[in-house]
Protein backbone atom coordinates (compact mmCIF):
# COMPACT_ATOMS: atom_id res chain seq x y z
CA MET A 1 101.50 -104.20 -49.82
CA THR A 2 103.19 -103.85 -46.44
CA SER A 3 106.01 -101.38 -45.90
CA VAL A 4 108.40 -104.28 -45.27
CA VAL A 5 107.60 -105.88 -48.63
CA ALA A 6 107.90 -102.50 -50.37
CA SER A 7 111.32 -101.99 -48.79
CA MET A 8 112.43 -105.49 -49.80
CA ILE A 9 111.37 -104.91 -53.42
CA LYS A 10 113.25 -101.62 -53.51
CA SER A 11 116.43 -103.29 -52.24
CA PHE A 12 116.63 -105.44 -55.39
CA GLY A 13 117.18 -102.42 -57.64
CA CYS A 14 115.12 -103.98 -60.43
CA LYS A 15 115.31 -102.45 -63.92
CA ASN A 16 112.67 -104.35 -65.91
CA PRO A 17 109.46 -106.37 -65.39
CA MET A 18 111.26 -109.74 -65.42
CA GLU A 19 113.61 -108.60 -62.64
CA TYR A 20 110.62 -107.38 -60.63
CA LYS A 21 108.83 -110.71 -61.08
CA ASN A 22 111.88 -112.66 -59.94
CA ALA A 23 112.34 -110.33 -56.97
CA VAL A 24 108.71 -110.76 -55.91
CA LYS A 25 109.08 -114.52 -56.27
CA GLU A 26 112.12 -114.49 -53.98
CA ILE A 27 110.34 -112.30 -51.43
CA VAL A 28 107.33 -114.64 -51.47
CA GLN A 29 109.63 -117.59 -50.83
CA GLY A 30 111.08 -115.75 -47.84
CA ILE A 31 107.59 -115.12 -46.46
CA ILE A 32 106.78 -118.82 -46.88
CA LEU A 33 109.94 -119.80 -45.00
CA CYS A 34 109.12 -117.31 -42.25
CA GLY A 35 105.66 -118.83 -41.80
CA LEU A 36 107.01 -122.37 -41.76
CA SER A 37 109.65 -121.41 -39.21
CA ARG A 38 107.08 -119.86 -36.88
CA ALA A 39 104.98 -123.03 -37.11
CA GLY A 40 107.91 -125.25 -36.06
CA PHE A 41 108.23 -126.90 -39.48
CA PHE A 42 112.03 -126.96 -39.34
CA SER A 43 112.09 -129.13 -36.25
CA LYS A 44 110.85 -131.88 -38.58
CA ALA A 45 112.15 -130.92 -42.02
CA VAL A 46 115.13 -129.34 -43.72
CA LEU A 47 115.28 -126.98 -46.70
CA CYS A 48 117.36 -128.15 -49.66
CA GLY A 49 117.96 -127.25 -53.30
CA GLY A 50 118.54 -124.03 -55.16
CA CYS A 51 116.37 -122.00 -52.80
CA VAL A 52 119.07 -122.44 -50.13
CA LEU A 53 121.81 -121.25 -52.48
CA ARG A 54 119.81 -118.23 -53.62
CA THR A 55 118.60 -117.20 -50.16
CA PHE A 56 121.73 -117.77 -48.11
CA TYR A 57 124.66 -117.80 -50.55
CA GLY A 58 123.70 -115.33 -53.27
CA LEU A 59 123.44 -117.74 -56.20
CA ASP A 60 122.59 -115.56 -59.22
CA SER A 61 119.79 -117.84 -60.37
CA PHE A 62 116.13 -117.79 -59.40
CA THR A 63 114.08 -120.91 -58.82
CA SER A 64 110.36 -121.58 -58.58
CA SER A 65 110.88 -124.70 -56.46
CA MET A 66 111.03 -125.02 -52.70
CA SER A 67 112.21 -128.51 -51.75
CA PHE A 68 112.28 -130.02 -48.28
CA LEU A 69 113.43 -133.28 -46.71
CA PHE A 70 112.00 -135.00 -43.66
CA LYS A 71 114.63 -135.33 -40.95
CA ASP A 72 113.23 -138.73 -40.03
CA PRO A 73 111.22 -141.14 -42.22
CA ASP A 74 108.79 -141.86 -39.38
CA ILE A 75 107.75 -138.23 -38.92
CA ASP A 76 104.04 -137.58 -39.25
CA LEU A 77 103.92 -134.24 -41.02
CA SER A 78 100.54 -132.63 -41.72
CA LEU A 79 101.23 -130.54 -44.81
CA PRO A 80 97.67 -129.11 -45.06
CA TYR A 81 98.21 -127.56 -41.63
CA TYR A 82 101.50 -125.95 -42.66
CA LEU A 83 100.01 -124.71 -45.92
CA THR A 84 97.29 -123.01 -43.88
CA VAL A 85 100.01 -121.30 -41.84
CA VAL A 86 101.78 -120.25 -45.03
CA ARG A 87 98.54 -118.81 -46.43
CA SER A 88 98.03 -116.75 -43.26
CA GLU A 89 101.60 -115.45 -43.37
CA LEU A 90 101.21 -114.43 -47.01
CA ASN A 91 97.88 -112.72 -46.28
CA ALA A 92 99.53 -110.72 -43.51
CA ASN A 93 102.07 -109.48 -46.04
CA GLY A 94 99.60 -108.57 -48.77
CA PHE A 95 99.35 -111.76 -50.84
CA SER A 96 96.65 -114.34 -51.54
CA MET A 97 97.40 -118.02 -52.05
CA THR A 98 95.68 -121.10 -53.38
CA SER A 99 97.24 -124.56 -53.40
CA GLU A 100 96.80 -127.48 -55.76
CA LYS A 101 98.05 -130.96 -54.92
CA GLN A 102 100.17 -132.42 -57.71
CA GLU A 103 100.62 -135.96 -58.87
CA THR A 104 104.19 -136.86 -58.00
CA ALA A 105 104.65 -139.23 -60.93
CA PHE A 106 105.80 -136.33 -63.12
CA LEU A 107 108.92 -136.13 -60.99
CA ARG A 108 109.93 -139.63 -61.91
CA GLY A 109 112.58 -140.01 -64.57
CA ARG A 110 115.59 -141.89 -65.72
CA GLY A 111 119.12 -140.70 -66.03
CA PHE A 112 121.14 -140.90 -69.20
CA PRO A 113 121.05 -144.26 -70.99
CA GLY A 114 123.79 -146.60 -71.99
CA PHE A 115 126.97 -146.30 -70.05
CA SER A 116 128.48 -149.43 -68.64
CA LEU A 117 130.58 -150.49 -65.71
CA GLU A 118 133.43 -151.00 -68.17
CA ASP A 119 133.21 -147.36 -69.22
CA VAL A 120 133.74 -146.26 -65.64
CA ALA A 121 136.48 -148.78 -64.95
CA SER A 122 138.41 -147.69 -68.03
CA LYS A 123 138.31 -144.07 -66.90
CA ALA A 124 139.19 -144.68 -63.25
CA VAL A 125 142.72 -143.74 -62.23
CA ASP A 126 143.35 -147.24 -60.90
CA SER A 127 140.93 -149.81 -62.24
CA SER A 128 141.90 -152.22 -59.47
CA SER A 129 141.10 -149.75 -56.68
CA PRO A 130 137.89 -150.06 -54.64
CA LYS A 131 134.96 -148.39 -56.34
CA ILE A 132 132.22 -146.42 -54.69
CA PRO A 133 129.61 -148.93 -53.52
CA HIS A 134 126.30 -148.78 -55.35
CA VAL A 135 127.54 -146.16 -57.80
CA VAL A 136 129.16 -149.02 -59.65
CA SER A 137 126.19 -151.34 -59.23
CA ALA A 138 123.90 -148.55 -60.37
CA VAL A 139 126.00 -147.96 -63.47
CA SER A 140 125.92 -151.64 -64.35
CA SER A 141 122.12 -151.73 -64.05
CA LEU A 142 120.86 -148.27 -64.98
CA PRO A 143 117.14 -149.10 -64.66
CA ALA A 144 117.77 -149.15 -60.89
CA ILE A 145 118.65 -145.44 -60.98
CA SER A 146 115.70 -143.11 -60.93
CA ALA A 147 115.16 -139.49 -60.11
CA PRO A 148 113.93 -138.78 -56.58
CA THR A 149 110.17 -138.61 -56.28
CA ALA A 150 108.52 -136.16 -53.92
CA ASN A 151 106.16 -137.74 -51.42
CA PHE A 152 104.14 -134.53 -51.33
CA SER A 153 103.96 -131.93 -54.07
CA TYR A 154 101.83 -128.79 -54.24
CA LYS A 155 101.63 -126.01 -56.78
CA LEU A 156 101.10 -122.73 -54.94
CA LYS A 157 99.46 -119.90 -56.86
CA ILE A 158 100.21 -116.60 -55.16
CA SER A 159 99.12 -113.12 -56.22
CA PRO A 160 99.47 -109.65 -54.67
CA ASN A 161 96.31 -108.18 -53.20
CA GLU A 162 97.17 -104.82 -54.78
CA PRO A 163 99.59 -103.65 -57.48
CA LEU A 164 103.15 -104.07 -56.27
CA VAL A 165 105.12 -102.45 -59.06
CA SER A 166 104.68 -101.55 -62.69
CA GLY A 167 104.91 -104.69 -64.80
CA VAL A 168 103.55 -107.05 -62.15
CA ALA A 169 99.76 -107.22 -62.45
CA PRO A 170 97.76 -107.63 -59.22
CA ASP A 171 96.03 -110.70 -60.64
CA GLU A 172 99.23 -112.28 -61.94
CA ASN A 173 100.00 -115.62 -60.32
CA ILE A 174 103.41 -116.32 -58.85
CA LEU A 175 103.90 -120.08 -59.12
CA ILE A 176 105.84 -121.88 -56.40
CA PHE A 177 106.36 -125.64 -56.48
CA PHE A 178 106.34 -126.87 -52.88
CA GLU A 179 107.81 -130.37 -52.62
CA VAL A 180 108.60 -132.58 -49.64
CA TYR A 181 110.68 -135.75 -49.85
CA GLY A 182 109.73 -138.11 -47.06
CA ARG A 183 112.57 -140.64 -47.15
CA PRO A 184 115.76 -138.90 -46.02
CA ALA A 185 119.04 -140.45 -47.12
CA SER A 186 121.63 -140.90 -44.40
CA GLY A 187 124.92 -139.03 -44.35
CA ALA A 188 123.57 -135.49 -44.78
CA THR A 189 124.70 -132.65 -42.55
CA TYR A 190 122.38 -129.86 -41.45
CA GLU A 191 122.93 -126.32 -40.23
CA VAL A 192 120.72 -123.49 -39.01
CA ARG A 193 120.68 -120.19 -40.90
CA TYR A 194 119.04 -116.93 -39.84
CA VAL A 195 117.07 -114.35 -41.84
CA LEU A 196 115.97 -110.88 -40.71
CA LEU A 197 113.22 -110.04 -43.23
CA PRO A 198 110.24 -109.94 -43.45
CA SER A 199 110.79 -110.60 -39.73
CA PRO A 200 113.58 -112.55 -38.00
CA TYR A 201 113.36 -116.33 -38.36
CA SER A 202 115.57 -119.41 -38.60
CA VAL A 203 115.72 -122.20 -41.17
CA CYS A 204 117.31 -125.64 -40.98
CA VAL A 205 119.14 -126.31 -44.26
CA LEU A 206 121.50 -128.83 -45.77
CA ASP A 207 125.11 -127.67 -45.57
CA LEU A 208 127.01 -126.92 -48.78
CA PRO A 209 128.71 -130.34 -49.28
CA SER A 210 125.34 -132.07 -48.81
CA LEU A 211 123.64 -129.64 -51.20
CA PHE A 212 126.38 -130.35 -53.74
CA ALA A 213 125.74 -134.08 -53.36
CA ARG A 214 122.05 -133.56 -54.17
CA SER A 215 122.91 -131.49 -57.25
CA VAL A 216 125.26 -134.22 -58.48
CA TYR A 217 122.56 -136.80 -57.78
CA ALA A 218 120.11 -134.78 -59.90
CA ILE A 219 122.62 -134.49 -62.74
CA LEU A 220 123.14 -138.25 -62.77
CA CYS A 221 119.48 -139.21 -62.44
CA ARG A 222 117.25 -136.53 -63.95
CA PRO A 223 116.13 -136.97 -67.57
CA GLU A 224 116.77 -134.48 -70.37
CA GLY A 225 114.35 -131.56 -70.27
CA ASP A 226 113.69 -131.88 -66.54
CA ARG A 227 113.72 -128.42 -64.94
CA PHE A 228 115.62 -129.83 -61.97
CA LEU A 229 118.40 -131.08 -64.25
CA TRP A 230 119.20 -127.70 -65.78
CA HIS A 231 119.19 -125.94 -62.41
CA ALA A 232 121.39 -128.70 -60.96
CA VAL A 233 123.91 -128.21 -63.78
CA TYR A 234 123.96 -124.46 -63.09
CA GLU A 235 124.46 -125.12 -59.39
CA TYR A 236 127.28 -127.55 -60.23
CA VAL A 237 129.29 -124.70 -61.78
CA TRP A 238 128.66 -122.57 -58.68
CA PHE A 239 129.80 -125.32 -56.29
CA VAL A 240 133.01 -126.03 -58.21
CA SER A 241 133.85 -122.33 -58.60
CA HIS A 242 133.40 -121.87 -54.83
CA SER A 243 135.62 -124.89 -54.04
CA VAL A 244 132.82 -126.80 -52.30
CA SER A 245 133.51 -130.51 -51.80
CA VAL A 246 130.92 -133.23 -52.40
CA ASN A 247 129.55 -135.05 -49.36
CA MET A 248 130.39 -138.46 -50.80
CA ASN A 249 128.73 -140.54 -48.07
CA TYR A 250 125.46 -138.69 -48.62
CA LEU A 251 125.70 -139.02 -52.39
CA ASN A 252 126.35 -142.73 -52.01
CA SER A 253 123.31 -143.07 -49.75
CA CYS A 254 121.11 -141.17 -52.23
CA LEU A 255 122.21 -143.45 -55.05
CA GLU A 256 121.60 -146.55 -52.99
CA HIS A 257 117.93 -145.72 -52.49
CA ASN A 258 118.20 -147.50 -49.15
CA GLU A 259 117.65 -144.36 -47.18
CA HIS A 260 118.34 -145.52 -43.63
CA ASN A 261 121.15 -147.97 -44.19
CA GLY A 262 123.47 -146.47 -41.62
CA GLY A 263 125.46 -144.48 -44.15
CA ASN A 264 128.45 -146.76 -44.56
CA PRO A 265 131.55 -144.65 -45.22
CA VAL A 266 133.10 -144.93 -48.66
CA ASP A 267 136.65 -144.82 -49.96
CA LYS A 268 136.49 -141.14 -50.92
CA GLU A 269 139.57 -141.07 -53.13
CA ALA A 270 138.49 -144.04 -55.26
CA ALA A 271 134.88 -142.88 -55.19
CA LEU A 272 135.83 -139.41 -56.41
CA GLU A 273 137.66 -140.70 -59.48
CA ASN A 274 134.71 -142.93 -60.30
CA LEU A 275 132.31 -140.02 -59.88
CA LYS A 276 134.36 -137.80 -62.19
CA ALA A 277 134.19 -140.48 -64.87
CA MET A 278 130.43 -140.82 -64.45
CA LEU A 279 129.92 -137.06 -64.69
CA GLU A 280 132.04 -136.80 -67.82
CA LEU A 281 129.89 -139.44 -69.46
CA ARG A 282 126.76 -137.62 -68.33
CA PHE A 283 127.92 -134.26 -69.66
CA LYS A 284 128.59 -135.83 -73.06
CA LYS A 285 124.88 -136.54 -73.36
CA ILE A 286 123.51 -133.19 -72.21
CA ASN A 287 121.93 -130.88 -74.77
CA PHE A 288 123.61 -127.64 -73.67
CA HIS A 289 121.72 -125.56 -76.24
CA GLU A 290 118.43 -126.64 -74.66
CA ALA A 291 119.82 -126.16 -71.16
CA LYS A 292 120.93 -122.58 -71.85
CA GLY A 293 117.60 -121.67 -73.43
CA SER A 294 115.65 -123.04 -70.47
CA LEU A 295 117.78 -121.24 -67.89
CA ARG A 296 117.95 -117.76 -69.41
CA PRO A 297 114.77 -116.43 -67.71
CA PHE A 298 116.18 -117.44 -64.31
CA VAL A 299 119.82 -116.33 -64.61
CA GLU A 300 121.08 -112.80 -63.99
CA ASP A 301 124.48 -113.09 -65.72
CA GLN A 302 123.62 -114.85 -68.95
CA GLU A 303 127.02 -114.35 -70.59
CA GLN A 304 128.48 -117.19 -68.54
CA LEU A 305 126.05 -119.60 -70.20
CA GLY A 306 127.94 -119.02 -73.44
CA LEU A 307 130.80 -121.12 -72.06
CA TRP A 308 128.65 -124.16 -71.56
CA SER A 309 129.89 -127.11 -73.58
CA PHE A 310 131.20 -130.58 -72.92
CA ASP A 311 134.79 -129.27 -72.95
CA PHE A 312 133.93 -126.69 -70.29
CA PHE A 313 132.31 -129.22 -67.96
CA GLU A 314 135.02 -131.80 -68.56
CA SER A 315 137.60 -129.21 -67.51
CA ILE A 316 135.88 -128.04 -64.33
CA THR A 317 135.03 -131.60 -63.28
CA LYS A 318 138.76 -132.23 -62.87
CA LYS A 319 138.62 -129.74 -59.97
CA LEU A 320 136.02 -131.80 -58.11
CA SER A 321 136.85 -132.71 -54.50
CA ALA A 322 135.19 -134.89 -51.88
CA VAL A 323 134.62 -134.74 -48.15
């Protein structure tokens, strides 16, 4: 273990083996990002998902997934090369890594069944107002809505070369799911963020409104029991509590599944009311007992999960705003 990694572990102030394991997982993700940055990966791709919120905004939830988007659908990205770079970076910091390519079909899924265009229209503030394009058409033909499917997916098994801390065995694998989506939807906004440890590097990430749009997209499209769904619901609470607005043009583009359509602007006010109605219908169908049980190992403040219910999500959804 390098002195930098030892210092990073100490900074977490862990009190039990689970906290140590989550801390090591987060440190490993930082090392992976550092290696990718040095290799120029972020000139071609952008980091998205809960890893951004945890790393740069202090979300009190850990994730095993690292998700990326191509900046351009025509980019030729050699993932085996970048995984070799990541392996070297991990080795330099006292970790070993093996990678296993995953079938991406397991990421496919359907959103909640059985809500109609009439359901949305009846809940909209003004049923005669323009509705968000393609959200409405998607609602009226739900089989057209599917969860996003990664073009490339790898399971990374990472282990320390020597004991790190008590409770984390040297031969214990840290699992990271490394996923790249190769068809970027239009309308997203990027920004560059900087990190100092394990050594200074920069990362291109989706901005907060665009991240919120992806979380909403996951809530609408991911099936029950999908690990992405529960994390997206947790992130939803964080976004609303931090007064983040949804990037509605990007959400619309994601739902269209016509990724380079030019990102036609939408009527945000009408779209927002429609979206609120859709989310309320979605939250009615979520098994919150299952969601809370699945999230507990990843969440620091578990008391807040006790509030989770349809009434809670219906209430906070009224605070939703769009940009």
